[in-house]
């Protein structure tokens, strides 16, 4: 077991015969979060592949994952609903389109409701 831990700590790389090989860091640089005034968030209702359940989908966020998580948590608290965030998208359970649009405009985000 100890040998497996050592191999896994290398990220799966054991040996390379390529003389031009460059090992990439798994810690890629994150994109800097734009100011709310420069963001254009799109809010829409979606129920595809969700067993008929309605969710409010917010797309278009440009920035770090941490900032996306913070915004998601604020929206979930404001709407009193569950949700998640990943891949620059925020999902809030239920039809909270107008509430979210009001909240984001108060925070000075550019908002487009579809």
N, C-alpha and C. Protein backbone atom coordinates (compact mmCIF):
# COMPACT_ATOMS: atom_id res chain seq x y z
N UNK A 1 0.80 -1.19 0.00
CA UNK A 1 0.00 0.00 0.00
C UNK A 1 0.85 1.26 0.00
N UNK A 2 1.99 1.23 0.65
CA UNK A 2 2.83 2.42 0.73
C UNK A 2 3.35 2.80 -0.66
N UNK A 3 3.65 1.81 -1.49
CA UNK A 3 4.13 2.11 -2.83
C UNK A 3 3.04 2.76 -3.67
N UNK A 4 1.81 2.33 -3.51
CA UNK A 4 0.72 2.93 -4.27
C UNK A 4 0.53 4.38 -3.89
N UNK A 5 0.68 4.71 -2.65
CA UNK A 5 0.53 6.10 -2.23
C UNK A 5 1.62 6.97 -2.84
N UNK A 6 2.83 6.44 -2.94
CA UNK A 6 3.91 7.22 -3.54
C UNK A 6 3.66 7.46 -5.02
N UNK A 7 3.18 6.46 -5.73
CA UNK A 7 2.90 6.61 -7.16
C UNK A 7 1.75 7.60 -7.36
N UNK A 8 0.72 7.50 -6.57
CA UNK A 8 -0.41 8.41 -6.71
C UNK A 8 -0.03 9.84 -6.37
N UNK A 9 0.96 10.05 -5.51
CA UNK A 9 1.36 11.41 -5.17
C UNK A 9 2.04 12.10 -6.35
N UNK A 10 2.48 11.33 -7.33
CA UNK A 10 3.07 11.91 -8.54
C UNK A 10 2.00 12.25 -9.58
N UNK A 11 0.76 12.00 -9.27
CA UNK A 11 -0.30 12.29 -10.23
C UNK A 11 -0.42 11.21 -11.28
N UNK A 12 0.05 10.01 -11.03
CA UNK A 12 -0.05 8.93 -11.99
C UNK A 12 1.18 8.82 -12.89
N UNK A 13 2.06 9.79 -12.87
CA UNK A 13 3.24 9.78 -13.70
C UNK A 13 4.33 8.97 -13.01
N UNK A 14 4.86 7.98 -13.74
CA UNK A 14 5.92 7.15 -13.18
C UNK A 14 7.24 7.44 -13.89
N UNK A 15 7.20 7.43 -15.24
CA UNK A 15 8.44 7.61 -16.00
C UNK A 15 8.09 8.06 -17.40
N UNK A 16 8.89 8.92 -17.99
CA UNK A 16 8.68 9.35 -19.36
C UNK A 16 10.00 9.26 -20.11
N UNK A 17 9.93 8.72 -21.33
CA UNK A 17 11.13 8.61 -22.17
C UNK A 17 11.24 9.78 -23.15
N UNK A 18 10.28 10.65 -23.16
CA UNK A 18 10.28 11.80 -24.05
C UNK A 18 11.27 12.83 -23.53
N UNK A 19 12.31 13.19 -24.34
CA UNK A 19 13.29 14.17 -23.87
C UNK A 19 12.71 15.59 -23.76
N UNK A 20 11.61 15.86 -24.45
CA UNK A 20 10.99 17.19 -24.43
C UNK A 20 9.80 17.24 -23.48
N UNK A 21 9.68 16.28 -22.60
CA UNK A 21 8.52 16.19 -21.72
C UNK A 21 8.54 17.31 -20.69
N UNK A 22 7.38 17.94 -20.54
CA UNK A 22 7.21 18.98 -19.53
C UNK A 22 6.04 18.56 -18.66
N UNK A 23 6.31 18.44 -17.36
CA UNK A 23 5.24 18.05 -16.45
C UNK A 23 4.39 19.27 -16.12
N UNK A 24 3.09 19.14 -16.34
CA UNK A 24 2.17 20.22 -16.06
C UNK A 24 1.68 20.11 -14.63
N UNK A 25 1.51 21.25 -14.00
CA UNK A 25 0.94 21.27 -12.66
C UNK A 25 -0.56 21.05 -12.76
N UNK A 26 -1.08 20.29 -11.83
CA UNK A 26 -2.53 20.07 -11.81
C UNK A 26 -3.25 21.31 -11.29
N UNK A 27 -2.53 22.21 -10.66
CA UNK A 27 -3.12 23.45 -10.16
C UNK A 27 -3.08 24.51 -11.25
N UNK A 28 -4.10 24.48 -12.11
CA UNK A 28 -4.15 25.46 -13.18
C UNK A 28 -4.54 26.81 -12.60
N UNK A 29 -4.08 27.86 -13.24
CA UNK A 29 -4.41 29.19 -12.76
C UNK A 29 -5.88 29.47 -13.04
N UNK A 30 -6.57 30.01 -12.04
CA UNK A 30 -7.97 30.33 -12.21
C UNK A 30 -8.12 31.70 -12.84
N UNK A 31 -9.23 31.87 -13.50
CA UNK A 31 -9.54 33.14 -14.14
C UNK A 31 -9.90 34.14 -13.05
N UNK A 32 -9.44 35.37 -13.21
CA UNK A 32 -9.80 36.41 -12.25
C UNK A 32 -11.27 36.76 -12.41
N UNK A 33 -11.91 37.02 -11.30
CA UNK A 33 -13.32 37.36 -11.32
C UNK A 33 -13.50 38.79 -11.77
N UNK A 34 -14.36 38.97 -12.77
CA UNK A 34 -14.66 40.31 -13.25
C UNK A 34 -15.54 41.04 -12.25
N UNK A 35 -15.50 42.34 -12.31
CA UNK A 35 -16.37 43.15 -11.46
C UNK A 35 -17.82 42.89 -11.85
N UNK A 36 -18.75 43.03 -10.89
CA UNK A 36 -20.16 42.79 -11.21
C UNK A 36 -20.68 43.65 -12.36
N UNK A 37 -20.19 44.89 -12.47
CA UNK A 37 -20.65 45.77 -13.54
C UNK A 37 -20.27 45.26 -14.92
N UNK A 38 -19.19 44.47 -15.01
CA UNK A 38 -18.70 43.97 -16.29
C UNK A 38 -19.24 42.57 -16.63
N UNK A 39 -19.99 41.97 -15.71
CA UNK A 39 -20.54 40.64 -15.93
C UNK A 39 -21.91 40.75 -16.58
N UNK A 40 -22.24 39.78 -17.43
CA UNK A 40 -23.56 39.71 -18.05
C UNK A 40 -24.11 38.32 -17.76
N UNK A 41 -24.97 38.22 -16.74
CA UNK A 41 -25.52 36.94 -16.33
C UNK A 41 -26.87 36.72 -17.00
N UNK A 42 -27.09 35.50 -17.46
CA UNK A 42 -28.33 35.13 -18.13
C UNK A 42 -29.13 34.23 -17.19
N UNK A 43 -30.38 34.61 -16.94
CA UNK A 43 -31.25 33.86 -16.03
C UNK A 43 -32.36 33.23 -16.86
N UNK A 44 -32.56 31.91 -16.70
CA UNK A 44 -33.64 31.25 -17.41
C UNK A 44 -34.16 30.07 -16.61
N UNK A 45 -35.36 29.66 -16.95
CA UNK A 45 -36.00 28.50 -16.32
C UNK A 45 -35.66 27.29 -17.17
N UNK A 46 -35.34 26.18 -16.49
CA UNK A 46 -34.95 24.97 -17.20
C UNK A 46 -35.56 23.76 -16.51
N UNK A 47 -35.98 22.78 -17.29
CA UNK A 47 -36.44 21.52 -16.71
C UNK A 47 -36.00 20.32 -17.53
N UNK A 48 -35.05 20.51 -18.42
CA UNK A 48 -34.53 19.42 -19.22
C UNK A 48 -33.68 18.49 -18.37
N UNK A 49 -33.88 17.21 -18.53
CA UNK A 49 -33.12 16.16 -17.84
C UNK A 49 -33.18 16.30 -16.32
N UNK A 50 -34.30 16.83 -15.81
CA UNK A 50 -34.45 17.00 -14.37
C UNK A 50 -35.75 16.36 -13.88
N UNK A 51 -36.23 15.37 -14.60
CA UNK A 51 -37.44 14.63 -14.25
C UNK A 51 -38.64 15.56 -14.10
N UNK A 52 -38.72 16.59 -14.93
CA UNK A 52 -39.85 17.51 -14.90
C UNK A 52 -39.78 18.58 -13.84
N UNK A 53 -38.76 18.55 -13.00
CA UNK A 53 -38.62 19.56 -11.95
C UNK A 53 -38.08 20.85 -12.56
N UNK A 54 -38.55 21.96 -12.05
CA UNK A 54 -38.14 23.27 -12.58
C UNK A 54 -36.98 23.81 -11.75
N UNK A 55 -35.97 24.32 -12.45
CA UNK A 55 -34.85 24.98 -11.79
C UNK A 55 -34.60 26.32 -12.48
N UNK A 56 -34.04 27.24 -11.76
CA UNK A 56 -33.61 28.51 -12.33
C UNK A 56 -32.12 28.40 -12.59
N UNK A 57 -31.73 28.66 -13.82
CA UNK A 57 -30.35 28.49 -14.26
C UNK A 57 -29.72 29.85 -14.52
N UNK A 58 -28.60 30.11 -13.89
CA UNK A 58 -27.86 31.37 -14.09
C UNK A 58 -26.55 31.02 -14.76
N UNK A 59 -26.32 31.56 -15.95
CA UNK A 59 -25.10 31.27 -16.71
C UNK A 59 -24.38 32.57 -17.03
N UNK A 60 -23.14 32.43 -17.49
CA UNK A 60 -22.38 33.59 -17.94
C UNK A 60 -21.44 34.16 -16.90
N UNK A 61 -21.29 33.50 -15.77
CA UNK A 61 -20.39 34.01 -14.73
C UNK A 61 -18.95 33.80 -15.16
N UNK A 62 -18.13 34.84 -15.07
CA UNK A 62 -16.71 34.75 -15.41
C UNK A 62 -15.92 35.03 -14.14
N UNK A 63 -15.21 34.01 -13.68
CA UNK A 63 -14.42 34.21 -12.47
C UNK A 63 -14.02 32.93 -11.80
N UNK A 64 -13.48 33.05 -10.61
CA UNK A 64 -12.96 31.93 -9.85
C UNK A 64 -14.11 31.09 -9.28
N UNK A 65 -13.84 29.81 -9.07
CA UNK A 65 -14.83 28.90 -8.51
C UNK A 65 -15.27 29.34 -7.11
N UNK A 66 -14.35 29.86 -6.32
CA UNK A 66 -14.70 30.32 -4.97
C UNK A 66 -15.74 31.44 -5.01
N UNK A 67 -15.56 32.38 -5.93
CA UNK A 67 -16.50 33.48 -6.05
C UNK A 67 -17.85 33.00 -6.56
N UNK A 68 -17.84 31.99 -7.43
CA UNK A 68 -19.07 31.39 -7.91
C UNK A 68 -19.82 30.71 -6.76
N UNK A 69 -19.08 30.01 -5.90
CA UNK A 69 -19.68 29.35 -4.73
C UNK A 69 -20.29 30.38 -3.78
N UNK A 70 -19.60 31.49 -3.58
CA UNK A 70 -20.10 32.54 -2.68
C UNK A 70 -21.40 33.13 -3.23
N UNK A 71 -21.43 33.43 -4.52
CA UNK A 71 -22.63 33.97 -5.14
C UNK A 71 -23.77 32.96 -5.08
N UNK A 72 -23.47 31.70 -5.30
CA UNK A 72 -24.48 30.65 -5.22
C UNK A 72 -25.08 30.57 -3.82
N UNK A 73 -24.24 30.63 -2.82
CA UNK A 73 -24.72 30.56 -1.44
C UNK A 73 -25.61 31.76 -1.12
N UNK A 74 -25.23 32.94 -1.58
CA UNK A 74 -26.04 34.13 -1.35
C UNK A 74 -27.41 34.00 -2.01
N UNK A 75 -27.43 33.47 -3.24
CA UNK A 75 -28.70 33.30 -3.95
C UNK A 75 -29.58 32.26 -3.28
N UNK A 76 -28.98 31.17 -2.81
CA UNK A 76 -29.76 30.13 -2.14
C UNK A 76 -30.37 30.67 -0.85
N UNK A 77 -29.61 31.45 -0.10
CA UNK A 77 -30.13 32.05 1.13
C UNK A 77 -31.24 33.05 0.83
N UNK A 78 -31.07 33.86 -0.20
CA UNK A 78 -32.06 34.87 -0.55
C UNK A 78 -33.37 34.24 -1.01
N UNK A 79 -33.26 33.17 -1.81
CA UNK A 79 -34.46 32.52 -2.35
C UNK A 79 -35.05 31.50 -1.39
N UNK A 80 -34.29 31.07 -0.40
CA UNK A 80 -34.77 30.04 0.51
C UNK A 80 -34.94 28.71 -0.18
N UNK A 81 -34.02 28.39 -1.07
CA UNK A 81 -34.11 27.17 -1.86
C UNK A 81 -32.74 26.51 -1.93
N UNK A 82 -32.74 25.27 -2.36
CA UNK A 82 -31.49 24.55 -2.56
C UNK A 82 -30.91 24.87 -3.92
N UNK A 83 -29.72 24.40 -4.14
CA UNK A 83 -29.09 24.63 -5.43
C UNK A 83 -27.66 24.18 -5.43
N UNK A 84 -26.98 24.40 -6.55
CA UNK A 84 -25.58 24.03 -6.68
C UNK A 84 -24.92 24.91 -7.72
N UNK A 85 -23.58 24.83 -7.76
CA UNK A 85 -22.84 25.59 -8.75
C UNK A 85 -21.70 24.75 -9.29
N UNK A 86 -21.51 24.79 -10.60
CA UNK A 86 -20.39 24.12 -11.24
C UNK A 86 -20.31 24.59 -12.69
N UNK A 87 -19.13 24.55 -13.24
CA UNK A 87 -18.89 24.92 -14.64
C UNK A 87 -19.47 26.29 -14.99
N UNK A 88 -19.26 27.27 -14.14
CA UNK A 88 -19.70 28.65 -14.36
C UNK A 88 -21.22 28.75 -14.48
N UNK A 89 -21.96 27.81 -13.88
CA UNK A 89 -23.42 27.85 -13.86
C UNK A 89 -23.91 27.68 -12.42
N UNK A 90 -25.01 28.35 -12.13
CA UNK A 90 -25.64 28.21 -10.83
C UNK A 90 -27.05 27.68 -11.05
N UNK A 91 -27.40 26.62 -10.32
CA UNK A 91 -28.74 26.06 -10.35
C UNK A 91 -29.43 26.35 -9.03
N UNK A 92 -30.59 26.96 -9.10
CA UNK A 92 -31.41 27.19 -7.91
C UNK A 92 -32.72 26.45 -8.13
N UNK A 93 -33.13 25.66 -7.16
CA UNK A 93 -34.34 24.86 -7.30
C UNK A 93 -35.56 25.75 -7.28
N UNK A 94 -36.48 25.46 -8.20
CA UNK A 94 -37.74 26.20 -8.26
C UNK A 94 -37.68 27.37 -9.23
N UNK A 95 -38.82 28.03 -9.38
CA UNK A 95 -38.94 29.18 -10.28
C UNK A 95 -38.72 30.46 -9.48
N UNK A 96 -37.47 30.90 -9.42
CA UNK A 96 -37.09 32.11 -8.66
C UNK A 96 -36.51 33.16 -9.60
N UNK A 97 -36.94 33.14 -10.84
CA UNK A 97 -36.33 33.99 -11.85
C UNK A 97 -36.38 35.48 -11.48
N UNK A 98 -37.56 35.96 -11.09
CA UNK A 98 -37.70 37.39 -10.79
C UNK A 98 -36.96 37.78 -9.52
N UNK A 99 -37.01 36.92 -8.51
CA UNK A 99 -36.29 37.19 -7.26
C UNK A 99 -34.79 37.30 -7.51
N UNK A 100 -34.26 36.38 -8.30
CA UNK A 100 -32.83 36.37 -8.60
C UNK A 100 -32.44 37.58 -9.42
N UNK A 101 -33.28 37.95 -10.39
CA UNK A 101 -32.99 39.13 -11.21
C UNK A 101 -32.94 40.38 -10.34
N UNK A 102 -33.86 40.52 -9.39
CA UNK A 102 -33.86 41.67 -8.49
C UNK A 102 -32.61 41.69 -7.61
N UNK A 103 -32.26 40.52 -7.08
CA UNK A 103 -31.08 40.42 -6.22
C UNK A 103 -29.80 40.79 -6.98
N UNK A 104 -29.66 40.26 -8.19
CA UNK A 104 -28.44 40.51 -8.96
C UNK A 104 -28.35 41.96 -9.42
N UNK A 105 -29.47 42.59 -9.74
CA UNK A 105 -29.41 44.00 -10.13
C UNK A 105 -29.06 44.89 -8.94
N UNK A 106 -29.49 44.50 -7.73
CA UNK A 106 -29.08 45.23 -6.53
C UNK A 106 -27.58 45.11 -6.31
N UNK A 107 -27.01 43.96 -6.68
CA UNK A 107 -25.57 43.73 -6.56
C UNK A 107 -24.80 44.31 -7.75
N UNK A 108 -25.51 44.97 -8.68
CA UNK A 108 -24.94 45.66 -9.84
C UNK A 108 -24.40 44.72 -10.91
N UNK A 109 -24.94 43.50 -11.00
CA UNK A 109 -24.60 42.60 -12.08
C UNK A 109 -25.45 42.96 -13.30
N UNK A 110 -24.88 42.75 -14.49
CA UNK A 110 -25.69 42.89 -15.70
C UNK A 110 -26.55 41.65 -15.81
N UNK A 111 -27.86 41.83 -16.01
CA UNK A 111 -28.79 40.70 -16.00
C UNK A 111 -29.61 40.69 -17.28
N UNK A 112 -29.76 39.50 -17.85
CA UNK A 112 -30.64 39.30 -18.99
C UNK A 112 -31.57 38.13 -18.62
N UNK A 113 -32.87 38.38 -18.58
CA UNK A 113 -33.85 37.36 -18.22
C UNK A 113 -34.43 36.78 -19.50
N UNK A 114 -34.42 35.45 -19.59
CA UNK A 114 -34.99 34.78 -20.79
C UNK A 114 -36.18 33.98 -20.40
